[in-house]
């Protein structure tokens, strides 16, 4: 359910994820690494972007550059770090966002 216009809460949610940094670097012991927002690809179909609530923070290295990145090899990335859905839930929990279920 991608939306063209972002609500105030959606912008706040995305900012919390961005401020937290890369979820993978955090798991490796390097917190607060600057990140890009990655819309997860989970049953969205070809060419469809996930909701702006379905974003995880990934640094350029883990997002799109190099052999460790999601976009280099989604299969290898998932095998090493877990599914995007799992990372999304971890990310939301770590930023203490969406306790009220708004970001579904």
C-alpha atoms as a PDB file:
ATOM      1  CA  UNK A   1       0.000   0.000   0.000  1.00  0.00           C
ATOM      2  CA  UNK A   2       2.327   2.724  -1.225  1.00  0.00           C
ATOM      3  CA  UNK A   3       1.127   6.244  -0.833  1.00  0.00           C
ATOM      4  CA  UNK A   4       2.014   9.235  -2.979  1.00  0.00           C
ATOM      5  CA  UNK A   5       1.689  11.776  -0.187  1.00  0.00           C
ATOM      6  CA  UNK A   6       3.323  11.288   3.182  1.00  0.00           C
ATOM      7  CA  UNK A   7       1.419  11.979   6.389  1.00  0.00           C
ATOM      8  CA  UNK A   8       3.062  13.712   9.336  1.00  0.00           C
ATOM      9  CA  UNK A   9       3.311  10.415  11.213  1.00  0.00           C
ATOM     10  CA  UNK A  10       4.773   8.663   8.163  1.00  0.00           C
ATOM     11  CA  UNK A  11       7.476  11.343   7.877  1.00  0.00           C
ATOM     12  CA  UNK A  12       8.237  10.992  11.594  1.00  0.00           C
ATOM     13  CA  UNK A  13       8.467   7.217  11.240  1.00  0.00           C
ATOM     14  CA  UNK A  14      10.850   7.465   8.285  1.00  0.00           C
ATOM     15  CA  UNK A  15      12.972  10.017  10.149  1.00  0.00           C
ATOM     16  CA  UNK A  16      13.237   7.725  13.189  1.00  0.00           C
ATOM     17  CA  UNK A  17      14.468   4.884  10.979  1.00  0.00           C
ATOM     18  CA  UNK A  18      16.960   7.195   9.227  1.00  0.00           C
ATOM     19  CA  UNK A  19      18.207   8.645  12.526  1.00  0.00           C
ATOM     20  CA  UNK A  20      18.792   5.143  13.937  1.00  0.00           C
ATOM     21  CA  UNK A  21      21.132   4.242  11.083  1.00  0.00           C
ATOM     22  CA  UNK A  22      21.916   1.006   9.300  1.00  0.00           C
ATOM     23  CA  UNK A  23      20.284  -2.006  10.967  1.00  0.00           C
ATOM     24  CA  UNK A  24      23.026  -4.334   9.671  1.00  0.00           C
ATOM     25  CA  UNK A  25      25.883  -2.156  10.930  1.00  0.00           C
ATOM     26  CA  UNK A  26      24.066  -2.001  14.278  1.00  0.00           C
ATOM     27  CA  UNK A  27      23.930  -5.796  14.395  1.00  0.00           C
ATOM     28  CA  UNK A  28      27.675  -5.857  13.613  1.00  0.00           C
ATOM     29  CA  UNK A  29      28.420  -3.539  16.557  1.00  0.00           C
ATOM     30  CA  UNK A  30      28.644  -0.259  14.621  1.00  0.00           C
ATOM     31  CA  UNK A  31      25.618   1.789  15.694  1.00  0.00           C
ATOM     32  CA  UNK A  32      24.530   5.106  14.201  1.00  0.00           C
ATOM     33  CA  UNK A  33      25.937   4.451  10.728  1.00  0.00           C
ATOM     34  CA  UNK A  34      24.354   6.904   8.259  1.00  0.00           C
ATOM     35  CA  UNK A  35      21.818   5.115   6.123  1.00  0.00           C
ATOM     36  CA  UNK A  36      19.480   5.212   3.187  1.00  0.00           C
ATOM     37  CA  UNK A  37      15.872   4.097   3.487  1.00  0.00           C
ATOM     38  CA  UNK A  38      15.195   0.791   1.753  1.00  0.00           C
ATOM     39  CA  UNK A  39      11.564  -0.048   0.971  1.00  0.00           C
ATOM     40  CA  UNK A  40      11.254  -3.751   1.624  1.00  0.00           C
ATOM     41  CA  UNK A  41      10.175  -6.009  -1.189  1.00  0.00           C
ATOM     42  CA  UNK A  42       7.637  -8.363   0.298  1.00  0.00           C
ATOM     43  CA  UNK A  43       4.703  -9.420  -1.850  1.00  0.00           C
ATOM     44  CA  UNK A  44       4.486  -6.005  -3.516  1.00  0.00           C
ATOM     45  CA  UNK A  45       4.780  -7.294  -7.077  1.00  0.00           C
ATOM     46  CA  UNK A  46       6.774  -6.018 -10.003  1.00  0.00           C
ATOM     47  CA  UNK A  47       7.355  -2.285  -9.957  1.00  0.00           C
ATOM     48  CA  UNK A  48       5.303  -1.709  -6.806  1.00  0.00           C
ATOM     49  CA  UNK A  49       6.944   0.063  -3.886  1.00  0.00           C
ATOM     50  CA  UNK A  50       6.167  -0.942  -0.316  1.00  0.00           C
ATOM     51  CA  UNK A  51       4.443   1.455   2.047  1.00  0.00           C
ATOM     52  CA  UNK A  52       6.569   4.243   3.503  1.00  0.00           C
ATOM     53  CA  UNK A  53       6.108   2.459   6.842  1.00  0.00           C
ATOM     54  CA  UNK A  54       7.855  -0.585   5.399  1.00  0.00           C
ATOM     55  CA  UNK A  55      11.375   0.813   5.292  1.00  0.00           C
ATOM     56  CA  UNK A  56      14.602  -0.331   6.898  1.00  0.00           C
ATOM     57  CA  UNK A  57      17.762   1.682   7.295  1.00  0.00           C
ATOM     58  CA  UNK A  58      20.697   0.369   5.272  1.00  0.00           C
ATOM     59  CA  UNK A  59      24.021   2.117   4.711  1.00  0.00           C
ATOM     60  CA  UNK A  60      25.147   2.375   1.063  1.00  0.00           C
ATOM     61  CA  UNK A  61      27.406  -0.666   1.522  1.00  0.00           C
ATOM     62  CA  UNK A  62      24.549  -2.860   2.743  1.00  0.00           C
ATOM     63  CA  UNK A  63      21.929  -1.292   0.482  1.00  0.00           C
ATOM     64  CA  UNK A  64      23.345  -1.031  -3.034  1.00  0.00           C
ATOM     65  CA  UNK A  65      27.162  -1.008  -3.166  1.00  0.00           C
ATOM     66  CA  UNK A  66      29.472  -3.982  -3.080  1.00  0.00           C
ATOM     67  CA  UNK A  67      29.041  -7.697  -2.643  1.00  0.00           C
ATOM     68  CA  UNK A  68      27.467  -7.391   0.829  1.00  0.00           C
ATOM     69  CA  UNK A  69      24.553  -5.275  -0.391  1.00  0.00           C
ATOM     70  CA  UNK A  70      20.911  -6.249  -0.689  1.00  0.00           C
ATOM     71  CA  UNK A  71      20.712  -5.123  -4.316  1.00  0.00           C
ATOM     72  CA  UNK A  72      23.842  -7.083  -5.288  1.00  0.00           C
ATOM     73  CA  UNK A  73      22.373 -10.379  -4.099  1.00  0.00           C
ATOM     74  CA  UNK A  74      19.033 -10.389  -2.270  1.00  0.00           C
ATOM     75  CA  UNK A  75      19.333 -14.145  -1.720  1.00  0.00           C
ATOM     76  CA  UNK A  76      22.795 -13.980  -0.099  1.00  0.00           C
ATOM     77  CA  UNK A  77      21.786 -10.915   1.950  1.00  0.00           C
ATOM     78  CA  UNK A  78      18.677 -12.701   3.252  1.00  0.00           C
ATOM     79  CA  UNK A  79      20.616 -15.860   4.068  1.00  0.00           C
ATOM     80  CA  UNK A  80      23.135 -13.878   6.120  1.00  0.00           C
ATOM     81  CA  UNK A  81      20.896 -11.284   7.803  1.00  0.00           C
ATOM     82  CA  UNK A  82      17.334 -12.620   7.710  1.00  0.00           C
ATOM     83  CA  UNK A  83      14.305 -11.592   5.711  1.00  0.00           C
ATOM     84  CA  UNK A  84      13.443  -7.994   5.043  1.00  0.00           C
ATOM     85  CA  UNK A  85      10.258  -8.475   7.086  1.00  0.00           C
ATOM     86  CA  UNK A  86      12.328  -9.707  10.058  1.00  0.00           C
ATOM     87  CA  UNK A  87      14.715  -6.752   9.718  1.00  0.00           C
ATOM     88  CA  UNK A  88      11.738  -4.379   9.490  1.00  0.00           C
ATOM     89  CA  UNK A  89      10.277  -5.693  12.751  1.00  0.00           C
ATOM     90  CA  UNK A  90      13.682  -5.468  14.473  1.00  0.00           C
ATOM     91  CA  UNK A  91      14.198  -1.930  13.158  1.00  0.00           C
ATOM     92  CA  UNK A  92      10.761  -0.772  14.346  1.00  0.00           C
ATOM     93  CA  UNK A  93      11.347  -2.300  17.776  1.00  0.00           C
ATOM     94  CA  UNK A  94      14.797  -0.716  18.132  1.00  0.00           C
ATOM     95  CA  UNK A  95      13.511   2.776  17.321  1.00  0.00           C
ATOM     96  CA  UNK A  96      10.498   2.282  19.628  1.00  0.00           C
ATOM     97  CA  UNK A  97       8.193   3.199  16.801  1.00  0.00           C
ATOM     98  CA  UNK A  98       4.691   2.022  16.131  1.00  0.00           C
ATOM     99  CA  UNK A  99       3.861   0.578  19.506  1.00  0.00           C
ATOM    100  CA  UNK A 100       0.275   1.614  18.855  1.00  0.00           C
ATOM    101  CA  UNK A 101       0.133  -0.292  15.590  1.00  0.00           C
ATOM    102  CA  UNK A 102      -0.136   2.834  13.430  1.00  0.00           C
ATOM    103  CA  UNK A 103       2.768   1.836  11.187  1.00  0.00           C
ATOM    104  CA  UNK A 104       1.239  -1.310   9.763  1.00  0.00           C
END
